[in-house]
Each structure stands twice: as structure tokens, then as C-alpha cells.
Protein backbone atom coordinates (compact mmCIF):
# COMPACT_ATOMS: atom_id res chain seq x y z
CA MET A 1 73.14 107.35 84.68
CA ASP A 2 71.29 106.66 87.79
CA ARG A 3 72.63 108.92 90.54
CA ARG A 4 71.19 109.36 93.95
CA TYR A 5 69.49 112.62 94.83
CA PRO A 6 69.24 114.41 97.22
CA PRO A 7 73.02 114.37 98.29
CA ARG A 8 74.19 112.03 100.81
CA ASP A 9 73.94 113.52 104.38
CA GLU A 10 77.63 113.04 105.15
CA SER A 11 78.95 115.38 102.27
CA PRO A 12 76.14 117.27 100.62
CA ALA A 13 78.36 120.01 99.38
CA ASP A 14 80.81 117.56 97.87
CA ASP A 15 77.97 115.75 96.21
CA LEU A 16 76.52 118.98 94.70
CA ILE A 17 79.91 119.83 93.12
CA CYS A 18 79.98 116.52 91.42
CA TRP A 19 76.12 116.45 90.31
CA PRO A 20 76.48 118.11 86.89
CA ALA A 21 79.37 115.90 85.81
CA ASP A 22 77.91 113.54 82.94
CA GLY A 23 81.15 111.71 82.41
CA PRO A 24 84.42 110.67 83.87
CA VAL A 25 86.12 113.41 85.92
CA ILE A 26 89.78 113.98 86.83
CA ASP A 27 90.61 116.00 89.98
CA ILE A 28 93.97 117.73 89.49
CA GLY A 29 95.38 118.33 93.02
CA CYS A 30 93.07 116.03 94.61
CA GLY A 31 94.55 116.27 98.11
CA PRO A 32 92.88 113.82 100.30
CA GLY A 33 90.24 112.87 97.92
CA ARG A 34 86.98 114.31 99.18
CA ILE A 35 85.67 115.01 95.61
CA LEU A 36 86.87 111.61 94.38
CA VAL A 37 84.94 109.93 97.05
CA ALA A 38 81.82 111.94 96.54
CA ALA A 39 82.03 111.43 92.70
CA GLN A 40 82.50 107.54 93.09
CA ALA A 41 79.60 107.33 95.47
CA LEU A 42 77.34 108.99 92.90
CA GLY A 43 78.57 106.49 90.18
CA ILE A 44 80.84 109.03 88.46
CA PRO A 45 84.12 107.52 87.39
CA ALA A 46 86.78 109.64 88.74
CA LEU A 47 90.77 109.91 88.88
CA GLY A 48 92.59 112.09 91.25
CA VAL A 49 96.24 113.26 90.70
CA ASP A 50 98.36 114.93 93.24
CA VAL A 51 102.09 115.61 93.58
CA SER A 52 101.94 114.64 97.29
CA VAL A 53 102.51 111.02 98.17
CA GLU A 54 100.93 111.42 101.62
CA ALA A 55 97.83 113.02 99.91
CA VAL A 56 97.45 110.16 97.38
CA ALA A 57 97.76 107.61 100.28
CA ILE A 58 94.92 109.30 102.14
CA ALA A 59 92.73 109.45 99.17
CA ARG A 60 93.22 105.75 98.37
CA ARG A 61 92.51 104.88 102.02
CA SER A 62 89.23 106.98 101.76
CA GLY A 63 88.25 104.80 98.78
CA GLY A 64 89.34 107.15 95.96
CA THR A 65 91.18 106.21 93.00
CA ALA A 66 94.29 108.43 92.82
CA VAL A 67 97.84 108.56 91.28
CA GLN A 68 100.98 110.48 92.57
CA GLY A 69 102.22 112.82 89.70
CA SER A 70 101.99 116.28 88.25
CA ALA A 71 99.30 117.61 86.17
CA PHE A 72 101.75 117.55 83.31
CA ASP A 73 102.43 113.90 83.43
CA PRO A 74 100.72 111.46 81.09
CA ILE A 75 97.34 110.20 82.72
CA PRO A 76 97.15 106.51 83.21
CA ASP A 77 94.83 104.93 80.55
CA GLY A 78 94.43 108.38 78.86
CA GLY A 79 92.49 108.51 75.70
CA ARG A 80 90.31 105.55 76.65
């Protein structure tokens, strides 16, 4: 996978958190989606899950892929 390094100036800490990922990630309790956006900017497929409708809306507006639900709910397209 070709990922940019060094991290982007606008969110270097978030990029460094995502850097070791070598496959798709799921962010349980994604909140406003900072980690989702960082992962996707690095070319890492990412899905966020949060119980808050408002948090999921913010994550989506920020460019993240997020669904509203519990960590105990089935994951969309799980097992793919």
C-alpha cells in the first residue's frame, strides 16, 4: 500500500495513530470521525461506528464513512 509519509500537517498525531494499520480498520466509538478521516487520507479503508446520531452526522460531513449503532450490532458488509 502506498501511503504518504511524513504525516499531513493538519493532523500529524491522527496520521501516526493510523500509520501501522495494514488493512481495513473499524473505529468503535468514532465520535466526529477524526481517525476515520486520517485513515482514509492515508488510503486505509475505515468504517466508524457510534451510538450518537449527531456524531455520525459530523463524521460523515468530515468525509468519514460511519454508521449509527452499537458495537454489538452486526457490521455492514461484515465478513467481506
